[in-house]
C-alpha atoms as a PDB file:
ATOM      1  CA  MET A   1       5.921  28.702   7.390  1.00  0.00           C
ATOM      2  CA  THR A   2       8.026  27.869  10.510  1.00  0.00           C
ATOM      3  CA  SER A   3      10.385  24.439  10.920  1.00  0.00           C
ATOM      4  CA  GLU A   4       8.505  23.604  13.765  1.00  0.00           C
ATOM      5  CA  ARG A   5       4.982  23.320  11.550  1.00  0.00           C
ATOM      6  CA  LEU A   6       6.851  21.723   8.471  1.00  0.00           C
ATOM      7  CA  ARG A   7       7.715  18.784  10.680  1.00  0.00           C
ATOM      8  CA  ARG A   8       4.285  18.457  11.708  1.00  0.00           C
ATOM      9  CA  VAL A   9       3.004  18.739   8.923  1.00  0.00           C
ATOM     10  CA  ALA A  10       5.672  16.318   7.633  1.00  0.00           C
ATOM     11  CA  ALA A  11       4.667  13.840  10.218  1.00  0.00           C
ATOM     12  CA  ARG A  12       1.056  14.543   9.427  1.00  0.00           C
ATOM     13  CA  ARG A  13       1.348  13.223   5.948  1.00  0.00           C
ATOM     14  CA  ARG A  14       4.098  10.158   6.505  1.00  0.00           C
ATOM     15  CA  VAL A  15       0.827   9.067   9.731  1.00  0.00           C
ATOM     16  CA  LEU A  16      -1.514   8.689   7.037  1.00  0.00           C
ATOM     17  CA  PHE A  17       0.701   7.696   4.005  1.00  0.00           C
ATOM     18  CA  PHE A  18       1.756   4.550   6.745  1.00  0.00           C
ATOM     19  CA  SER A  19      -1.417   4.448   7.140  1.00  0.00           C
ATOM     20  CA  LEU A  20      -3.054   4.017   4.309  1.00  0.00           C
ATOM     21  CA  THR A  21      -0.418   1.562   3.614  1.00  0.00           C
ATOM     22  CA  PHE A  22      -0.416  -1.288   5.814  1.00  0.00           C
ATOM     23  CA  MET A  23      -4.744  -1.041   6.386  1.00  0.00           C
ATOM     24  CA  THR A  24      -4.706  -1.651   2.340  1.00  0.00           C
ATOM     25  CA  SER A  25      -2.015  -4.231   2.544  1.00  0.00           C
ATOM     26  CA  LEU A  26      -4.003  -5.669   5.707  1.00  0.00           C
ATOM     27  CA  PHE A  27      -6.895  -5.457   4.011  1.00  0.00           C
ATOM     28  CA  LEU A  28      -5.214  -7.966   0.644  1.00  0.00           C
ATOM     29  CA  THR A  29      -3.644  -9.741   2.451  1.00  0.00           C
ATOM     30  CA  GLY A  30      -7.328 -10.692   4.643  1.00  0.00           C
ATOM     31  CA  LEU A  31      -8.345 -11.349   0.892  1.00  0.00           C
ATOM     32  CA  MET A  32      -6.095 -13.885   0.008  1.00  0.00           C
ATOM     33  CA  TRP A  33      -6.045 -15.481   3.847  1.00  0.00           C
ATOM     34  CA  ASP A  34      -9.841 -15.815   2.818  1.00  0.00           C
ATOM     35  CA  ILE A  35      -9.204 -17.404  -0.475  1.00  0.00           C
ATOM     36  CA  LEU A  36      -6.392 -19.754   0.591  1.00  0.00           C
ATOM     37  CA  ARG A  37      -8.233 -21.071   3.523  1.00  0.00           C
ATOM     38  CA  ALA A  38     -11.000 -22.804   1.954  1.00  0.00           C
ATOM     39  CA  ASN A  39      -9.202 -26.092   1.949  1.00  0.00           C
ATOM     40  CA  GLY A  40      -6.450 -25.806   4.996  1.00  0.00           C
ATOM     41  CA  PHE A  41      -3.423 -24.031   4.946  1.00  0.00           C
ATOM     42  CA  THR A  42       0.130 -25.771   4.169  1.00  0.00           C
ATOM     43  CA  ALA A  43       3.447 -24.947   5.772  1.00  0.00           C
ATOM     44  CA  LEU A  44       4.234 -23.630   1.688  1.00  0.00           C
ATOM     45  CA  GLU A  45       0.400 -21.413   1.607  1.00  0.00           C
ATOM     46  CA  LYS A  46       1.557 -20.042   4.227  1.00  0.00           C
ATOM     47  CA  THR A  47       5.018 -18.422   3.562  1.00  0.00           C
ATOM     48  CA  GLY A  48       2.914 -17.351   0.515  1.00  0.00           C
ATOM     49  CA  LEU A  49       1.148 -15.256   2.247  1.00  0.00           C
ATOM     50  CA  ALA A  50       3.562 -13.904   4.393  1.00  0.00           C
ATOM     51  CA  LEU A  51       5.581 -13.030   0.880  1.00  0.00           C
ATOM     52  CA  PHE A  52       2.289 -11.827  -0.687  1.00  0.00           C
ATOM     53  CA  PHE A  53       2.037  -9.617   2.328  1.00  0.00           C
ATOM     54  CA  ILE A  54       5.811  -8.220   2.063  1.00  0.00           C
ATOM     55  CA  LEU A  55       4.977  -7.893  -1.982  1.00  0.00           C
ATOM     56  CA  ILE A  56       1.632  -6.294  -1.721  1.00  0.00           C
ATOM     57  CA  THR A  57       2.867  -3.488   0.766  1.00  0.00           C
ATOM     58  CA  TRP A  58       5.252  -2.301  -1.615  1.00  0.00           C
ATOM     59  CA  ILE A  59       3.227  -2.270  -4.394  1.00  0.00           C
ATOM     60  CA  THR A  60      -0.222  -0.197  -1.644  1.00  0.00           C
ATOM     61  CA  GLY A  61       3.093   2.249  -0.794  1.00  0.00           C
ATOM     62  CA  ALA A  62       3.820   2.445  -4.595  1.00  0.00           C
ATOM     63  CA  PHE A  63       0.040   3.295  -5.344  1.00  0.00           C
ATOM     64  CA  TRP A  64      -0.617   5.428  -2.563  1.00  0.00           C
ATOM     65  CA  THR A  65       2.335   7.785  -3.719  1.00  0.00           C
ATOM     66  CA  ALA A  66       0.229   8.298  -7.407  1.00  0.00           C
ATOM     67  CA  PHE A  67      -2.310   9.008  -5.965  1.00  0.00           C
ATOM     68  CA  ILE A  68      -1.681  11.360  -2.662  1.00  0.00           C
ATOM     69  CA  GLY A  69       0.473  13.042  -5.654  1.00  0.00           C
ATOM     70  CA  PHE A  70      -1.847  13.255  -7.835  1.00  0.00           C
ATOM     71  CA  VAL A  71      -4.383  14.621  -5.770  1.00  0.00           C
ATOM     72  CA  ILE A  72      -1.908  17.440  -4.278  1.00  0.00           C
ATOM     73  CA  ARG A  73      -1.252  18.275  -8.712  1.00  0.00           C
ATOM     74  CA  LEU A  74      -4.994  19.051  -9.076  1.00  0.00           C
ATOM     75  CA  ARG A  75      -5.438  21.189  -6.038  1.00  0.00           C
ATOM     76  CA  GLY A  76      -2.195  22.883  -7.745  1.00  0.00           C
ATOM     77  CA  GLY A  77      -0.113  22.433  -4.833  1.00  0.00           C
ATOM     78  CA  ALA A  78       3.598  20.984  -3.911  1.00  0.00           C
ATOM     79  CA  ASP A  79       5.285  23.197  -7.085  1.00  0.00           C
ATOM     80  CA  ALA A  80       2.015  22.763  -9.772  1.00  0.00           C
ATOM     81  CA  GLY A  81       3.703  24.324 -12.197  1.00  0.00           C
ATOM     82  CA  HIS A  82       7.485  23.399 -11.972  1.00  0.00           C
ATOM     83  CA  ARG A  83       8.810  22.073 -14.674  1.00  0.00           C
ATOM     84  CA  LEU A  84      10.877  18.736 -15.094  1.00  0.00           C
ATOM     85  CA  ARG A  85      14.684  18.991 -15.881  1.00  0.00           C
ATOM     86  CA  GLY A  86      17.221  17.278 -16.531  1.00  0.00           C
ATOM     87  CA  ALA A  87      20.452  17.447 -13.863  1.00  0.00           C
ATOM     88  CA  ALA A  88      22.072  19.781 -15.189  1.00  0.00           C
ATOM     89  CA  GLY A  89      19.682  22.569 -15.679  1.00  0.00           C
ATOM     90  CA  ALA A  90      17.236  23.927 -18.434  1.00  0.00           C
ATOM     91  CA  ASP A  91      20.227  25.925 -19.923  1.00  0.00           C
ATOM     92  CA  HIS A  92      22.520  22.992 -20.569  1.00  0.00           C
ATOM     93  CA  PRO A  93      22.015  21.273 -23.798  1.00  0.00           C
ATOM     94  CA  ARG A  94      21.185  17.822 -23.067  1.00  0.00           C
ATOM     95  CA  ALA A  95      18.537  19.249 -20.415  1.00  0.00           C
ATOM     96  CA  PHE A  96      15.904  18.398 -22.033  1.00  0.00           C
ATOM     97  CA  GLY A  97      17.284  15.287 -24.048  1.00  0.00           C
ATOM     98  CA  SER A  98      18.373  17.228 -27.140  1.00  0.00           C
END
């Protein structure tokens, strides 16, 4: 692959990842808003909703990272056969925790 093609693929993947993350976060924040609006909003509930959005965005980002990685591994892409190695490399005595 050329470097230009790699940049385009990376840009598409980033757009997909951030779109999924923010759409999921907005959906879940909307559900939380619907729950909280039943008795009206207080300032504390508004602050809690803002914090909920920030924290749920972090969680949904982790979810979509794991999900997309799982799908890529199932399809056999992105070094699916790559073995995990320690920081020192496979030939180092402590590479695999021994």
